[in-house]
C-alpha atoms as a PDB file:
ATOM      1  CA  MET A   1      16.882  -2.123   1.462  1.00  0.00           C
ATOM      2  CA  ILE A   2      14.085  -0.894  -0.810  1.00  0.00           C
ATOM      3  CA  LYS A   3      12.973   2.691  -0.211  1.00  0.00           C
ATOM      4  CA  ILE A   4       9.761   4.390  -1.345  1.00  0.00           C
ATOM      5  CA  SER A   5       9.450   7.931  -2.701  1.00  0.00           C
ATOM      6  CA  VAL A   6       5.930   9.331  -2.346  1.00  0.00           C
ATOM      7  CA  ILE A   7       5.296  12.091  -4.899  1.00  0.00           C
ATOM      8  CA  VAL A   8       2.378  14.397  -4.058  1.00  0.00           C
ATOM      9  CA  THR A   9       1.284  16.790  -6.821  1.00  0.00           C
ATOM     10  CA  ALA A  10      -0.697  19.988  -6.191  1.00  0.00           C
ATOM     11  CA  TYR A  11      -1.774  22.610  -8.729  1.00  0.00           C
ATOM     12  CA  GLN A  12      -3.392  25.213  -6.510  1.00  0.00           C
ATOM     13  CA  TYR A  13      -3.942  25.484  -2.777  1.00  0.00           C
ATOM     14  CA  ARG A  14      -6.933  23.528  -1.484  1.00  0.00           C
ATOM     15  CA  PRO A  15      -7.550  22.511   2.137  1.00  0.00           C
ATOM     16  CA  TYR A  16      -7.574  18.829   1.130  1.00  0.00           C
ATOM     17  CA  ILE A  17      -3.777  18.971   0.928  1.00  0.00           C
ATOM     18  CA  TRP A  18      -3.522  18.704   4.720  1.00  0.00           C
ATOM     19  CA  ASP A  19      -5.470  15.435   4.832  1.00  0.00           C
ATOM     20  CA  ALA A  20      -3.417  14.079   1.938  1.00  0.00           C
ATOM     21  CA  LEU A  21      -0.059  14.884   3.551  1.00  0.00           C
ATOM     22  CA  ASN A  22      -1.130  13.709   7.003  1.00  0.00           C
ATOM     23  CA  SER A  23      -2.224  10.394   5.513  1.00  0.00           C
ATOM     24  CA  VAL A  24       1.318   9.919   4.179  1.00  0.00           C
ATOM     25  CA  ILE A  25       3.096  11.069   7.335  1.00  0.00           C
ATOM     26  CA  ASN A  26       0.969   8.855   9.593  1.00  0.00           C
ATOM     27  CA  GLN A  27       1.884   5.541   7.977  1.00  0.00           C
ATOM     28  CA  ASP A  28       2.681   2.483  10.074  1.00  0.00           C
ATOM     29  CA  LEU A  29       5.921   2.100   8.099  1.00  0.00           C
ATOM     30  CA  GLU A  30       9.143   3.405   9.655  1.00  0.00           C
ATOM     31  CA  ARG A  31       9.863   6.921   8.398  1.00  0.00           C
ATOM     32  CA  ASP A  32      13.393   6.085   7.268  1.00  0.00           C
ATOM     33  CA  LYS A  33      11.956   3.641   4.714  1.00  0.00           C
ATOM     34  CA  TYR A  34      10.153   6.314   2.719  1.00  0.00           C
ATOM     35  CA  GLU A  35      10.459   9.951   1.721  1.00  0.00           C
ATOM     36  CA  VAL A  36       7.759  12.446   0.784  1.00  0.00           C
ATOM     37  CA  ILE A  37       8.105  14.960  -2.046  1.00  0.00           C
ATOM     38  CA  LEU A  38       5.471  17.660  -2.565  1.00  0.00           C
ATOM     39  CA  VAL A  39       5.476  19.407  -5.951  1.00  0.00           C
ATOM     40  CA  SER A  40       3.321  22.529  -6.116  1.00  0.00           C
ATOM     41  CA  ASN A  41       3.233  25.809  -7.991  1.00  0.00           C
ATOM     42  CA  PHE A  42       1.962  27.992  -5.149  1.00  0.00           C
ATOM     43  CA  LYS A  43       3.532  29.417  -1.995  1.00  0.00           C
ATOM     44  CA  ASN A  44       1.956  28.947   1.420  1.00  0.00           C
ATOM     45  CA  ALA A  45       3.902  29.842   4.572  1.00  0.00           C
ATOM     46  CA  GLU A  46       1.996  27.404   6.787  1.00  0.00           C
ATOM     47  CA  LEU A  47       2.520  24.581   4.312  1.00  0.00           C
ATOM     48  CA  GLU A  48       6.229  25.367   3.992  1.00  0.00           C
ATOM     49  CA  GLU A  49       6.633  25.234   7.776  1.00  0.00           C
ATOM     50  CA  TYR A  50       4.735  21.937   7.899  1.00  0.00           C
ATOM     51  CA  CYS A  51       7.023  20.454   5.249  1.00  0.00           C
ATOM     52  CA  LYS A  52      10.133  21.463   7.204  1.00  0.00           C
ATOM     53  CA  ARG A  53       8.754  19.990  10.409  1.00  0.00           C
ATOM     54  CA  GLU A  54       7.669  16.705   8.824  1.00  0.00           C
ATOM     55  CA  ARG A  55      10.772  16.285   6.643  1.00  0.00           C
ATOM     56  CA  ILE A  56       8.850  16.694   3.393  1.00  0.00           C
ATOM     57  CA  LYS A  57      10.871  17.798   0.388  1.00  0.00           C
ATOM     58  CA  LEU A  58       9.024  20.766  -1.133  1.00  0.00           C
ATOM     59  CA  ILE A  59       9.523  21.640  -4.798  1.00  0.00           C
ATOM     60  CA  LEU A  60       8.046  24.943  -5.991  1.00  0.00           C
ATOM     61  CA  SER A  61       7.506  24.323  -9.673  1.00  0.00           C
ATOM     62  CA  LYS A  62       6.897  26.784 -12.482  1.00  0.00           C
ATOM     63  CA  ASN A  63       5.234  24.038 -14.514  1.00  0.00           C
ATOM     64  CA  ARG A  64       1.466  24.032 -14.910  1.00  0.00           C
ATOM     65  CA  TRP A  65       1.195  20.428 -16.091  1.00  0.00           C
ATOM     66  CA  ILE A  66       1.447  17.246 -14.037  1.00  0.00           C
ATOM     67  CA  GLY A  67       3.936  15.377 -16.233  1.00  0.00           C
ATOM     68  CA  PRO A  68       6.754  17.943 -15.951  1.00  0.00           C
ATOM     69  CA  LYS A  69       6.077  18.270 -12.207  1.00  0.00           C
ATOM     70  CA  VAL A  70       6.526  14.537 -11.719  1.00  0.00           C
ATOM     71  CA  LYS A  71       9.718  14.705 -13.766  1.00  0.00           C
ATOM     72  CA  GLU A  72      11.091  17.354 -11.380  1.00  0.00           C
ATOM     73  CA  ALA A  73      10.249  15.168  -8.389  1.00  0.00           C
ATOM     74  CA  LEU A  74      11.773  12.060  -9.976  1.00  0.00           C
ATOM     75  CA  LYS A  75      15.077  13.858 -10.440  1.00  0.00           C
ATOM     76  CA  GLN A  76      15.191  14.703  -6.727  1.00  0.00           C
ATOM     77  CA  SER A  77      13.886  11.367  -5.447  1.00  0.00           C
ATOM     78  CA  SER A  78      16.049   8.758  -3.723  1.00  0.00           C
ATOM     79  CA  GLY A  79      13.596   5.850  -3.582  1.00  0.00           C
ATOM     80  CA  ASP A  80      13.500   2.647  -5.604  1.00  0.00           C
ATOM     81  CA  LEU A  81       9.693   2.720  -5.773  1.00  0.00           C
ATOM     82  CA  ILE A  82       7.469   5.649  -6.723  1.00  0.00           C
ATOM     83  CA  ALA A  83       4.091   5.990  -4.998  1.00  0.00           C
ATOM     84  CA  LEU A  84       1.858   8.707  -6.421  1.00  0.00           C
ATOM     85  CA  LEU A  85      -0.712  10.797  -4.569  1.00  0.00           C
ATOM     86  CA  GLU A  86      -2.954  13.575  -5.833  1.00  0.00           C
ATOM     87  CA  ASP A  87      -3.535  16.357  -3.328  1.00  0.00           C
ATOM     88  CA  ASP A  88      -7.206  15.543  -2.704  1.00  0.00           C
ATOM     89  CA  ASP A  89      -6.788  11.778  -2.180  1.00  0.00           C
ATOM     90  CA  LEU A  90      -5.567   9.843   0.866  1.00  0.00           C
ATOM     91  CA  PHE A  91      -3.499   6.784   1.770  1.00  0.00           C
ATOM     92  CA  MET A  92      -4.703   4.211   4.285  1.00  0.00           C
ATOM     93  CA  PRO A  93      -2.279   3.937   7.274  1.00  0.00           C
ATOM     94  CA  ASN A  94      -0.976   0.511   6.191  1.00  0.00           C
ATOM     95  CA  LYS A  95      -0.517   1.294   2.493  1.00  0.00           C
ATOM     96  CA  LEU A  96       3.241   1.790   2.326  1.00  0.00           C
ATOM     97  CA  SER A  97       4.081  -1.159   4.584  1.00  0.00           C
ATOM     98  CA  LYS A  98       1.906  -3.407   2.402  1.00  0.00           C
ATOM     99  CA  VAL A  99       3.473  -2.064  -0.789  1.00  0.00           C
ATOM    100  CA  LEU A 100       7.006  -2.495   0.512  1.00  0.00           C
ATOM    101  CA  SER A 101       6.292  -6.079   1.543  1.00  0.00           C
ATOM    102  CA  VAL A 102       4.852  -6.938  -1.885  1.00  0.00           C
ATOM    103  CA  PHE A 103       7.846  -5.570  -3.798  1.00  0.00           C
ATOM    104  CA  GLU A 104      10.431  -7.032  -1.411  1.00  0.00           C
ATOM    105  CA  ASN A 105       8.995 -10.480  -2.061  1.00  0.00           C
ATOM    106  CA  ASP A 106       8.820 -10.149  -5.853  1.00  0.00           C
ATOM    107  CA  ARG A 107      11.813  -8.795  -7.755  1.00  0.00           C
ATOM    108  CA  LYS A 108      10.010  -9.268 -11.070  1.00  0.00           C
ATOM    109  CA  LEU A 109       7.144  -6.976 -10.068  1.00  0.00           C
ATOM    110  CA  GLY A 110       7.241  -3.481 -11.553  1.00  0.00           C
ATOM    111  CA  PHE A 111       3.720  -2.053 -11.228  1.00  0.00           C
ATOM    112  CA  TYR A 112       1.275  -2.479  -8.348  1.00  0.00           C
ATOM    113  CA  ARG A 113      -2.232  -1.079  -8.093  1.00  0.00           C
ATOM    114  CA  HIS A 114      -4.777  -1.320  -5.281  1.00  0.00           C
ATOM    115  CA  LYS A 115      -8.461  -0.543  -4.893  1.00  0.00           C
ATOM    116  CA  MET A 116      -9.689   2.847  -3.648  1.00  0.00           C
ATOM    117  CA  MET A 117     -12.605   3.791  -1.402  1.00  0.00           C
ATOM    118  CA  ILE A 118     -14.652   6.570  -3.028  1.00  0.00           C
ATOM    119  CA  ILE A 119     -15.416   9.562  -0.775  1.00  0.00           C
ATOM    120  CA  ASN A 120     -17.008  12.971  -1.375  1.00  0.00           C
ATOM    121  CA  GLU A 121     -15.829  16.485  -0.503  1.00  0.00           C
ATOM    122  CA  GLU A 122     -16.541  15.968   3.204  1.00  0.00           C
ATOM    123  CA  GLY A 123     -14.927  12.538   3.324  1.00  0.00           C
ATOM    124  CA  LYS A 124     -18.240  10.655   3.301  1.00  0.00           C
ATOM    125  CA  PRO A 125     -17.821   7.150   1.798  1.00  0.00           C
ATOM    126  CA  SER A 126     -19.841   6.111  -1.242  1.00  0.00           C
ATOM    127  CA  LYS A 127     -22.958   4.020  -0.673  1.00  0.00           C
ATOM    128  CA  PHE A 128     -21.586   1.361  -2.977  1.00  0.00           C
ATOM    129  CA  GLY A 129     -18.639  -0.945  -2.421  1.00  0.00           C
ATOM    130  CA  ILE A 130     -16.203  -2.427  -4.908  1.00  0.00           C
ATOM    131  CA  ASN A 131     -17.681  -5.261  -6.976  1.00  0.00           C
ATOM    132  CA  ASN A 132     -14.512  -6.726  -8.446  1.00  0.00           C
ATOM    133  CA  LEU A 133     -12.824  -8.747  -5.693  1.00  0.00           C
ATOM    134  CA  ASN A 134     -10.209 -10.525  -7.782  1.00  0.00           C
ATOM    135  CA  LYS A 135      -6.457 -10.283  -7.347  1.00  0.00           C
ATOM    136  CA  ILE A 136      -4.839 -10.249 -10.791  1.00  0.00           C
ATOM    137  CA  TYR A 137      -1.174 -10.988 -11.427  1.00  0.00           C
ATOM    138  CA  LEU A 138       0.123 -10.483 -14.958  1.00  0.00           C
ATOM    139  CA  ASP A 139       3.289 -12.454 -15.650  1.00  0.00           C
ATOM    140  CA  LYS A 140       4.885 -11.114 -18.842  1.00  0.00           C
ATOM    141  CA  GLU A 141       6.375 -14.545 -19.581  1.00  0.00           C
ATOM    142  CA  LYS A 142       2.919 -16.138 -19.621  1.00  0.00           C
ATOM    143  CA  VAL A 143       0.619 -13.403 -20.937  1.00  0.00           C
ATOM    144  CA  LYS A 144       0.861 -11.609 -24.275  1.00  0.00           C
ATOM    145  CA  LEU A 145       1.182  -7.831 -24.141  1.00  0.00           C
ATOM    146  CA  SER A 146      -2.190  -7.186 -25.791  1.00  0.00           C
ATOM    147  CA  GLN A 147      -3.868  -9.699 -23.478  1.00  0.00           C
ATOM    148  CA  ALA A 148      -2.326  -8.051 -20.407  1.00  0.00           C
ATOM    149  CA  TYR A 149      -3.594  -4.670 -21.583  1.00  0.00           C
ATOM    150  CA  LEU A 150      -7.136  -5.954 -22.112  1.00  0.00           C
ATOM    151  CA  ILE A 151      -7.160  -7.611 -18.696  1.00  0.00           C
ATOM    152  CA  MET A 152      -6.181  -4.301 -17.089  1.00  0.00           C
ATOM    153  CA  PHE A 153      -8.787  -2.440 -19.142  1.00  0.00           C
ATOM    154  CA  ARG A 154     -11.624  -4.828 -18.296  1.00  0.00           C
ATOM    155  CA  ASN A 155     -10.765  -4.900 -14.589  1.00  0.00           C
ATOM    156  CA  ARG A 156     -10.286  -1.154 -14.116  1.00  0.00           C
ATOM    157  CA  GLU A 157     -13.276  -0.621 -11.811  1.00  0.00           C
ATOM    158  CA  GLY A 158     -12.387   0.575  -8.324  1.00  0.00           C
ATOM    159  CA  TYR A 159      -8.802   1.651  -8.976  1.00  0.00           C
ATOM    160  CA  ALA A 160      -9.523   5.364  -9.540  1.00  0.00           C
ATOM    161  CA  ALA A 161      -6.683   7.473 -10.903  1.00  0.00           C
ATOM    162  CA  VAL A 162      -2.986   7.646 -10.103  1.00  0.00           C
ATOM    163  CA  SER A 163      -3.202   7.573  -6.300  1.00  0.00           C
ATOM    164  CA  SER A 164      -3.626   3.798  -6.502  1.00  0.00           C
ATOM    165  CA  MET A 165      -0.380   3.295  -8.461  1.00  0.00           C
ATOM    166  CA  ILE A 166       3.108   2.313  -7.309  1.00  0.00           C
ATOM    167  CA  MET A 167       5.907   1.385  -9.688  1.00  0.00           C
ATOM    168  CA  ARG A 168       9.622   0.876  -9.869  1.00  0.00           C
ATOM    169  CA  LYS A 169      11.420   4.154 -10.411  1.00  0.00           C
ATOM    170  CA  ASN A 170      13.492   2.857 -13.319  1.00  0.00           C
ATOM    171  CA  ILE A 171      10.298   2.292 -15.356  1.00  0.00           C
ATOM    172  CA  LEU A 172       9.712   6.037 -15.275  1.00  0.00           C
ATOM    173  CA  LEU A 173      13.360   6.990 -15.654  1.00  0.00           C
ATOM    174  CA  HIS A 174      13.494   4.964 -18.869  1.00  0.00           C
ATOM    175  CA  ARG A 175      10.937   7.334 -20.436  1.00  0.00           C
ATOM    176  CA  ILE A 176      11.428  10.410 -18.270  1.00  0.00           C
ATOM    177  CA  GLU A 177      11.644  12.849 -21.200  1.00  0.00           C
ATOM    178  CA  TYR A 178       8.147  11.807 -22.331  1.00  0.00           C
ATOM    179  CA  LEU A 179       6.775  13.328 -19.121  1.00  0.00           C
ATOM    180  CA  ASN A 180       7.392  16.766 -20.642  1.00  0.00           C
ATOM    181  CA  LYS A 181       4.701  15.921 -23.216  1.00  0.00           C
ATOM    182  CA  ILE A 182       2.087  14.705 -20.715  1.00  0.00           C
ATOM    183  CA  ARG A 183      -0.205  17.438 -19.468  1.00  0.00           C
ATOM    184  CA  ILE A 184      -2.916  15.630 -17.519  1.00  0.00           C
ATOM    185  CA  ALA A 185      -3.151  11.977 -18.671  1.00  0.00           C
ATOM    186  CA  THR A 186      -0.362  10.695 -16.437  1.00  0.00           C
ATOM    187  CA  ASP A 187      -2.397   7.633 -15.425  1.00  0.00           C
ATOM    188  CA  SER A 188      -2.383   6.319 -19.008  1.00  0.00           C
ATOM    189  CA  PHE A 189       1.323   7.116 -19.322  1.00  0.00           C
ATOM    190  CA  TYR A 190       2.194   5.139 -16.176  1.00  0.00           C
ATOM    191  CA  ILE A 191       0.158   2.123 -17.250  1.00  0.00           C
ATOM    192  CA  ILE A 192       1.575   1.996 -20.776  1.00  0.00           C
ATOM    193  CA  SER A 193       5.150   2.553 -19.560  1.00  0.00           C
ATOM    194  CA  SER A 194       4.743  -0.322 -17.105  1.00  0.00           C
ATOM    195  CA  LEU A 195       3.234  -2.617 -19.723  1.00  0.00           C
ATOM    196  CA  LEU A 196       6.125  -1.893 -22.091  1.00  0.00           C
ATOM    197  CA  SER A 197       8.699  -2.614 -19.378  1.00  0.00           C
ATOM    198  CA  LYS A 198      10.164  -6.037 -18.559  1.00  0.00           C
ATOM    199  CA  TYR A 199       8.370  -6.137 -15.206  1.00  0.00           C
ATOM    200  CA  ASN A 200       5.197  -7.921 -14.120  1.00  0.00           C
ATOM    201  CA  ILE A 201       1.986  -6.234 -12.991  1.00  0.00           C
ATOM    202  CA  TYR A 202      -0.148  -6.871  -9.906  1.00  0.00           C
ATOM    203  CA  LEU A 203      -3.718  -5.581  -9.501  1.00  0.00           C
ATOM    204  CA  ASP A 204      -4.595  -6.082  -5.846  1.00  0.00           C
ATOM    205  CA  ASN A 205      -8.138  -6.148  -4.461  1.00  0.00           C
ATOM    206  CA  GLU A 206      -7.200  -4.591  -1.109  1.00  0.00           C
ATOM    207  CA  ILE A 207      -8.442  -1.044  -0.424  1.00  0.00           C
ATOM    208  CA  LEU A 208      -5.381   1.015   0.507  1.00  0.00           C
ATOM    209  CA  GLY A 209      -6.520   4.544  -0.352  1.00  0.00           C
ATOM    210  CA  LYS A 210      -9.394   6.995  -0.623  1.00  0.00           C
ATOM    211  CA  TYR A 211     -10.340   8.725  -3.873  1.00  0.00           C
ATOM    212  CA  ARG A 212     -12.194  12.017  -3.493  1.00  0.00           C
ATOM    213  CA  PHE A 213     -14.990  12.272  -6.066  1.00  0.00           C
ATOM    214  CA  GLN A 214     -15.993  15.941  -6.262  1.00  0.00           C
ATOM    215  CA  LYS A 215     -18.366  18.153  -8.163  1.00  0.00           C
ATOM    216  CA  VAL A 216     -15.480  20.566  -8.733  1.00  0.00           C
ATOM    217  CA  SER A 217     -11.917  19.243  -8.937  1.00  0.00           C
ATOM    218  CA  ALA A 218      -8.943  18.919 -11.257  1.00  0.00           C
ATOM    219  CA  SER A 219     -10.687  16.017 -13.030  1.00  0.00           C
ATOM    220  CA  SER A 220     -14.375  16.984 -12.907  1.00  0.00           C
ATOM    221  CA  ARG A 221     -16.697  19.986 -12.914  1.00  0.00           C
ATOM    222  CA  PHE A 222     -20.457  19.614 -12.867  1.00  0.00           C
ATOM    223  CA  THR A 223     -22.100  22.223 -10.664  1.00  0.00           C
ATOM    224  CA  ASN A 224     -23.012  24.475 -13.599  1.00  0.00           C
ATOM    225  CA  PHE A 225     -23.737  23.376 -17.171  1.00  0.00           C
ATOM    226  CA  ASN A 226     -21.783  26.132 -18.946  1.00  0.00           C
ATOM    227  CA  GLU A 227     -18.755  25.600 -16.694  1.00  0.00           C
ATOM    228  CA  PHE A 228     -19.057  21.875 -17.355  1.00  0.00           C
ATOM    229  CA  VAL A 229     -18.940  22.385 -21.135  1.00  0.00           C
ATOM    230  CA  ASN A 230     -16.016  24.820 -21.000  1.00  0.00           C
ATOM    231  CA  TYR A 231     -14.065  22.591 -18.639  1.00  0.00           C
ATOM    232  CA  TYR A 232     -14.489  19.403 -20.683  1.00  0.00           C
ATOM    233  CA  THR A 233     -13.726  21.207 -23.939  1.00  0.00           C
ATOM    234  CA  GLU A 234     -10.304  22.059 -22.515  1.00  0.00           C
ATOM    235  CA  LYS A 235      -9.837  18.723 -20.753  1.00  0.00           C
ATOM    236  CA  TYR A 236     -10.499  16.617 -23.852  1.00  0.00           C
ATOM    237  CA  LYS A 237      -8.193  18.811 -25.929  1.00  0.00           C
ATOM    238  CA  TYR A 238      -5.281  18.212 -23.571  1.00  0.00           C
ATOM    239  CA  GLN A 239      -6.109  14.523 -23.158  1.00  0.00           C
ATOM    240  CA  CYS A 240      -6.133  14.207 -26.940  1.00  0.00           C
ATOM    241  CA  LEU A 241      -2.656  15.740 -27.179  1.00  0.00           C
ATOM    242  CA  ASP A 242      -1.426  13.522 -24.339  1.00  0.00           C
ATOM    243  CA  MET A 243      -2.824  10.404 -25.969  1.00  0.00           C
ATOM    244  CA  LEU A 244      -1.016  11.216 -29.201  1.00  0.00           C
ATOM    245  CA  ALA A 245       2.285  11.223 -27.271  1.00  0.00           C
ATOM    246  CA  ILE A 246       1.394   7.967 -25.500  1.00  0.00           C
ATOM    247  CA  TYR A 247       0.270   6.372 -28.771  1.00  0.00           C
ATOM    248  CA  ASN A 248       3.679   7.209 -30.254  1.00  0.00           C
ATOM    249  CA  LEU A 249       5.235   5.232 -27.389  1.00  0.00           C
ATOM    250  CA  THR A 250       3.402   2.104 -28.514  1.00  0.00           C
ATOM    251  CA  LYS A 251       4.184   2.191 -32.239  1.00  0.00           C
ATOM    252  CA  GLY A 252       5.429  -1.162 -33.442  1.00  0.00           C
ATOM    253  CA  THR A 253       3.996  -3.003 -30.428  1.00  0.00           C
ATOM    254  CA  ASP A 254       0.823  -5.021 -29.832  1.00  0.00           C
ATOM    255  CA  LEU A 255      -0.641  -2.005 -28.002  1.00  0.00           C
ATOM    256  CA  GLU A 256      -0.518   0.348 -30.978  1.00  0.00           C
ATOM    257  CA  ARG A 257      -4.025  -0.359 -32.259  1.00  0.00           C
ATOM    258  CA  PHE A 258      -5.598   0.170 -28.808  1.00  0.00           C
ATOM    259  CA  LEU A 259      -3.921   3.515 -28.187  1.00  0.00           C
ATOM    260  CA  TYR A 260      -4.688   4.707 -31.701  1.00  0.00           C
ATOM    261  CA  TYR A 261      -8.368   3.949 -31.089  1.00  0.00           C
ATOM    262  CA  ASP A 262      -8.224   5.841 -27.772  1.00  0.00           C
ATOM    263  CA  TYR A 263      -6.616   8.784 -29.532  1.00  0.00           C
ATOM    264  CA  ILE A 264      -9.358   8.926 -32.180  1.00  0.00           C
ATOM    265  CA  PHE A 265     -12.120   8.660 -29.582  1.00  0.00           C
ATOM    266  CA  LEU A 266     -10.648  11.539 -27.563  1.00  0.00           C
ATOM    267  CA  LYS A 267     -10.695  13.588 -30.775  1.00  0.00           C
ATOM    268  CA  VAL A 268     -14.413  12.757 -30.995  1.00  0.00           C
ATOM    269  CA  LEU A 269     -15.069  13.813 -27.397  1.00  0.00           C
ATOM    270  CA  HIS A 270     -13.257  17.095 -27.891  1.00  0.00           C
ATOM    271  CA  LYS A 271     -15.191  17.934 -31.060  1.00  0.00           C
ATOM    272  CA  LEU A 272     -18.433  16.896 -29.362  1.00  0.00           C
ATOM    273  CA  PHE A 273     -17.876  19.607 -26.734  1.00  0.00           C
ATOM    274  CA  SER A 274     -16.066  22.187 -28.836  1.00  0.00           C
ATOM    275  CA  SER A 275     -17.280  24.667 -31.432  1.00  0.00           C
ATOM    276  CA  ASN A 276     -14.082  24.093 -33.423  1.00  0.00           C
ATOM    277  CA  ASN A 277     -11.967  21.100 -34.444  1.00  0.00           C
ATOM    278  CA  GLU A 278      -8.585  21.738 -32.809  1.00  0.00           C
ATOM    279  CA  CYS A 279      -7.817  18.008 -32.595  1.00  0.00           C
ATOM    280  CA  ASN A 280      -8.420  17.585 -36.351  1.00  0.00           C
ATOM    281  CA  LEU A 281     -11.044  14.842 -36.302  1.00  0.00           C
ATOM    282  CA  SER A 282     -11.859  13.622 -39.809  1.00  0.00           C
ATOM    283  CA  ILE A 283     -14.768  11.617 -41.218  1.00  0.00           C
ATOM    284  CA  ARG A 284     -12.263   8.868 -41.952  1.00  0.00           C
ATOM    285  CA  ASP A 285     -11.388   8.814 -38.236  1.00  0.00           C
ATOM    286  CA  VAL A 286     -15.059   8.375 -37.373  1.00  0.00           C
ATOM    287  CA  PHE A 287     -15.389   5.307 -39.617  1.00  0.00           C
ATOM    288  CA  ARG A 288     -12.276   3.830 -38.003  1.00  0.00           C
ATOM    289  CA  LEU A 289     -14.249   3.701 -34.747  1.00  0.00           C
ATOM    290  CA  LEU A 290     -16.206   0.780 -36.210  1.00  0.00           C
ATOM    291  CA  TYR A 291     -13.019  -1.316 -36.094  1.00  0.00           C
ATOM    292  CA  ASN A 292     -12.761  -1.428 -32.330  1.00  0.00           C
ATOM    293  CA  PRO A 293      -9.925  -3.576 -30.872  1.00  0.00           C
ATOM    294  CA  TYR A 294     -11.684  -3.530 -27.496  1.00  0.00           C
ATOM    295  CA  GLY A 295     -14.667  -5.351 -28.984  1.00  0.00           C
ATOM    296  CA  GLU A 296     -17.298  -3.197 -27.295  1.00  0.00           C
ATOM    297  CA  LYS A 297     -19.343  -0.019 -27.877  1.00  0.00           C
ATOM    298  CA  SER A 298     -18.236   0.235 -31.509  1.00  0.00           C
ATOM    299  CA  LEU A 299     -21.605   1.427 -32.824  1.00  0.00           C
ATOM    300  CA  MET A 300     -22.167   3.837 -29.928  1.00  0.00           C
ATOM    301  CA  ASN A 301     -18.754   5.417 -30.406  1.00  0.00           C
ATOM    302  CA  PHE A 302     -19.367   5.685 -34.154  1.00  0.00           C
ATOM    303  CA  VAL A 303     -22.691   7.466 -33.525  1.00  0.00           C
ATOM    304  CA  LEU A 304     -20.962   9.927 -31.183  1.00  0.00           C
ATOM    305  CA  GLY A 305     -18.363  10.515 -33.876  1.00  0.00           C
ATOM    306  CA  VAL A 306     -21.062  11.351 -36.413  1.00  0.00           C
ATOM    307  CA  ALA A 307     -22.868  13.537 -33.857  1.00  0.00           C
ATOM    308  CA  SER A 308     -19.714  15.563 -33.251  1.00  0.00           C
ATOM    309  CA  PHE A 309     -20.085  17.008 -36.785  1.00  0.00           C
ATOM    310  CA  LEU A 310     -23.670  18.176 -36.167  1.00  0.00           C
ATOM    311  CA  PRO A 311     -24.542  21.842 -35.452  1.00  0.00           C
ATOM    312  CA  LEU A 312     -23.614  23.128 -32.002  1.00  0.00           C
ATOM    313  CA  SER A 313     -27.291  23.468 -31.039  1.00  0.00           C
ATOM    314  CA  VAL A 314     -27.741  19.713 -31.527  1.00  0.00           C
ATOM    315  CA  LYS A 315     -24.501  18.898 -29.703  1.00  0.00           C
ATOM    316  CA  ARG A 316     -25.777  20.923 -26.740  1.00  0.00           C
ATOM    317  CA  ILE A 317     -28.510  18.301 -26.269  1.00  0.00           C
ATOM    318  CA  ILE A 318     -25.900  15.538 -26.012  1.00  0.00           C
ATOM    319  CA  GLN A 319     -23.747  17.653 -23.694  1.00  0.00           C
ATOM    320  CA  ARG A 320     -26.742  18.265 -21.435  1.00  0.00           C
ATOM    321  CA  ARG A 321     -27.436  14.524 -21.309  1.00  0.00           C
ATOM    322  CA  ILE A 322     -23.834  13.809 -20.278  1.00  0.00           C
ATOM    323  CA  PHE A 323     -23.998  16.587 -17.659  1.00  0.00           C
ATOM    324  CA  ASN A 324     -27.213  15.178 -16.175  1.00  0.00           C
ATOM    325  CA  ASP A 325     -25.739  11.664 -16.106  1.00  0.00           C
ATOM    326  CA  ARG A 326     -22.721  12.942 -14.117  1.00  0.00           C
ATOM    327  CA  MET A 327     -25.006  14.689 -11.639  1.00  0.00           C
ATOM    328  CA  LEU A 328     -27.098  11.543 -11.234  1.00  0.00           C
ATOM    329  CA  LEU A 329     -23.965   9.477 -10.620  1.00  0.00           C
ATOM    330  CA  TYR A 330     -22.868  11.820  -7.829  1.00  0.00           C
ATOM    331  CA  LYS A 331     -26.305  11.660  -6.211  1.00  0.00           C
ATOM    332  CA  LYS A 332     -26.386   7.888  -6.542  1.00  0.00           C
ATOM    333  CA  LEU A 333     -23.026   7.587  -4.803  1.00  0.00           C
ATOM    334  CA  PHE A 334     -23.575   9.977  -1.911  1.00  0.00           C
ATOM    335  CA  GLU A 335     -27.147  11.262  -1.554  1.00  0.00           C
END
């Protein structure tokens, strides 16, 4: 019998954690077919009591970063499948039963991803639905690795972060030590690890979760311009370091050129927001952006690369434009 391990990661206490955990506990799948593991680095007496009552395995971690937290949970997990949930997202009640059925009927499947409904801080759904209604199955025997990657990249709309991902545990165990190097970009790590595995990939069009799009969260911050700049300066630095580790995973494969391009572009984004050059972007890197394996936005990315070397006063104009665009997106979705 296949069993699922649901790994919930939490960095600091937020009230959303209750909705997240309740959405996992209240599945229509029998409780003996899945376990729940919560990894957090904070203590909360009420939460600890809840975990005992609901048979949730609680791991109090000293790690700040997501990758090492997931590694801790993997070592204590007993499931064959790993379902991931961030502490501000939710599962639909039928998610785990659907996932279990899909994997039980396909032994060659290793990575499954479903669509997510976008909600705001109060749980209000976005005004806009999901445009891409295709189911996509990537058979490794029929599709080249680079082609599979591009298909996933071009059909990424509506999947929203790691809470839409389920994969076979042995995919992660095969590269478990790499998780120590991944600070925040676990989504890219999971996708690349799955692509490099022997297993097939299924991108489903069914909505089986809710993704909370917030003005202030672990992945966004746009209530105040100065906070926005400081936050994204740090975020792009850590994403750049993560992408270097993930790029090293792909060396010698058909994915190498894509991940190298991603790594360079993250160096650009960090320098665009930062007053220094901690990620060591060079002019040579900027010109490499013109040779884009994705075949899109080459000139735009090159211009951003050039702009990242301009004085900070000029970069502030670009930062303000990005900030305003994020605010407009939020208003478009919910207001």
